[in-house]
Every structure is written in structure tokens, then in C-alpha cells.
């Protein structure tokens, strides 16, 4: 078994293509949009709070802490109430679910639903 000679013409060689000059293949685009979450739920909770209602926003755990705090601050100021950000949740004092959903939709978040109470 010896070397097998192949007679490639220049045109046939060019048709095979040069891998160094091949166009870059686009990688699968990864969705890095921070506003695409599986589900964002706005809960109403009265238990363990002395009978007072709070609105809890859950489902934003993937958001960085700095962005979560900024969103919490914006929601608190737009609703005109107090609140806090703990354990990946935003807590807004009072029953403001409809207003919160409207604000989140204006910010570009998707898949937001009411839950609880």
C-alpha cells in the first residue's frame, strides 16, 4: 500500500475551501436579556405580618443584587411606600399588585402574573 496520488485541479482545490479563510460560524445565541425570566409572580401576603398586607415579587433570583436593589427602590418610589429587598425577593408594603405589574411591564419584564390573596 503506497501513497495514492490524487490529481486535484486548482479549481477543485479552491472549491474545498481554506479553513483559515472560512467565515466565522455564529454560535448559538444565548439569551442574555435580563428581562426574560421563567416566571415572575407578584404575591399578596398577610400572614406573619400583624394582619398588614405586603406585595412580594418573586422569580427575580437570577437578577444581580445591585439590579434587584435598584428595581426595589424604583418600585417603592413609584408606589409611594416602604419596602425591602431580601433573599431574592422584593417586599413592597401594602396591596399594590396591579401597579407593580404595570411598572414591571413598562420596564420590559415579561411573564408576570398575580399570585396569592
Protein backbone atom coordinates (compact mmCIF):
# COMPACT_ATOMS: atom_id res chain seq x y z
CA UNK A 1 0.00 0.00 0.00
CA UNK A 2 1.71 3.06 -1.16
CA UNK A 3 0.75 6.67 -1.33
CA UNK A 4 -2.14 7.31 -3.55
CA UNK A 5 -1.67 10.25 -5.81
CA UNK A 6 -4.61 12.48 -6.38
CA UNK A 7 -4.65 14.93 -9.17
CA UNK A 8 -6.66 17.85 -7.95
CA UNK A 9 -7.10 20.76 -10.22
CA UNK A 10 -6.73 24.24 -8.83
CA UNK A 11 -10.47 24.86 -9.15
CA UNK A 12 -11.28 21.66 -7.25
CA UNK A 13 -8.81 22.66 -4.53
CA UNK A 14 -10.39 26.13 -4.23
CA UNK A 15 -13.85 24.55 -4.05
CA UNK A 16 -12.77 22.58 -0.97
CA UNK A 17 -12.14 25.87 0.77
CA UNK A 18 -9.41 27.04 3.05
CA UNK A 19 -10.33 26.71 6.73
CA UNK A 20 -8.29 29.80 7.59
CA UNK A 21 -10.43 31.89 5.26
CA UNK A 22 -13.74 30.27 6.18
CA UNK A 23 -16.34 32.66 7.55
CA UNK A 24 -16.86 32.57 11.29
CA UNK A 25 -19.71 30.33 12.31
CA UNK A 26 -22.18 32.08 14.56
CA UNK A 27 -22.51 30.39 17.90
CA UNK A 28 -25.97 29.70 19.18
CA UNK A 29 -27.21 32.95 20.51
CA UNK A 30 -27.62 32.78 24.25
CA UNK A 31 -30.44 34.81 25.67
CA UNK A 32 -28.65 37.26 27.95
CA UNK A 33 -31.60 39.60 28.22
CA UNK A 34 -32.08 40.15 31.92
CA UNK A 35 -35.78 40.69 31.45
CA UNK A 36 -36.56 37.17 30.23
CA UNK A 37 -37.33 35.07 33.29
CA UNK A 38 -39.27 31.83 33.59
CA UNK A 39 -41.99 33.45 35.64
CA UNK A 40 -42.31 36.49 37.84
CA UNK A 41 -45.06 36.26 40.43
CA UNK A 42 -46.48 39.14 42.42
CA UNK A 43 -47.91 37.69 45.64
CA UNK A 44 -50.15 39.27 48.25
CA UNK A 45 -49.29 38.12 51.74
CA UNK A 46 -50.86 38.91 55.12
CA UNK A 47 -49.56 36.10 57.30
CA UNK A 48 -46.87 36.75 59.92
CA UNK A 49 -47.12 40.49 59.38
CA UNK A 50 -49.59 41.55 62.04
CA UNK A 51 -52.51 41.48 59.61
CA UNK A 52 -50.95 44.04 57.28
CA UNK A 53 -50.71 43.25 53.58
CA UNK A 54 -47.48 43.26 51.60
CA UNK A 55 -46.81 42.64 47.94
CA UNK A 56 -43.99 40.17 47.29
CA UNK A 57 -42.25 39.97 43.93
CA UNK A 58 -40.71 36.52 43.42
CA UNK A 59 -38.89 34.97 40.48
CA UNK A 60 -36.10 37.52 40.10
CA UNK A 61 -33.39 35.40 41.76
CA UNK A 62 -31.26 35.41 38.60
CA UNK A 63 -31.01 39.20 38.70
CA UNK A 64 -27.76 40.55 40.23
CA UNK A 65 -28.13 42.06 43.71
CA UNK A 66 -27.37 45.59 42.52
CA UNK A 67 -30.06 45.43 39.83
CA UNK A 68 -32.52 43.86 42.26
CA UNK A 69 -31.96 46.66 44.78
CA UNK A 70 -32.33 49.31 42.08
CA UNK A 71 -35.60 47.74 40.91
CA UNK A 72 -36.85 47.57 44.51
CA UNK A 73 -36.02 51.24 45.02
CA UNK A 74 -37.84 52.19 41.83
CA UNK A 75 -40.94 50.18 42.79
CA UNK A 76 -41.00 51.68 46.28
CA UNK A 77 -40.77 55.23 44.96
CA UNK A 78 -43.41 54.70 42.24
CA UNK A 79 -45.83 53.14 44.74
CA UNK A 80 -45.02 55.76 47.38
CA UNK A 81 -44.48 53.21 50.15
CA UNK A 82 -41.69 51.44 52.03
CA UNK A 83 -40.30 48.01 51.49
CA UNK A 84 -37.13 45.97 51.31
CA UNK A 85 -35.14 43.50 49.23
CA UNK A 86 -34.32 40.19 50.92
CA UNK A 87 -33.34 36.72 49.69
CA UNK A 88 -34.02 37.47 46.03
CA UNK A 89 -37.49 38.88 46.79
CA UNK A 90 -38.75 42.42 46.71
CA UNK A 91 -41.19 43.30 49.51
CA UNK A 92 -43.46 46.31 48.98
CA UNK A 93 -45.70 47.45 51.85
CA UNK A 94 -49.40 47.43 51.03
CA UNK A 95 -51.57 45.93 48.34
CA UNK A 96 -50.06 47.28 45.10
CA UNK A 97 -50.05 44.23 42.84
CA UNK A 98 -51.73 45.88 39.84
CA UNK A 99 -49.47 48.92 39.98
CA UNK A 100 -46.35 46.73 40.35
CA UNK A 101 -47.32 44.59 37.36
CA UNK A 102 -47.82 47.73 35.27
CA UNK A 103 -44.44 49.15 36.31
CA UNK A 104 -42.63 45.87 35.58
CA UNK A 105 -44.25 45.64 32.14
CA UNK A 106 -43.19 49.22 31.40
CA UNK A 107 -39.63 48.25 32.39
CA UNK A 108 -39.72 45.45 29.79
CA UNK A 109 -40.17 42.41 32.02
CA UNK A 110 -42.29 39.58 30.62
CA UNK A 111 -44.31 36.67 32.01
CA UNK A 112 -45.61 38.49 35.10
CA UNK A 113 -48.63 37.09 36.90
CA UNK A 114 -50.62 37.71 40.07
CA UNK A 115 -50.48 35.07 42.75
CA UNK A 116 -51.97 34.67 46.20
CA UNK A 117 -54.64 36.54 48.18
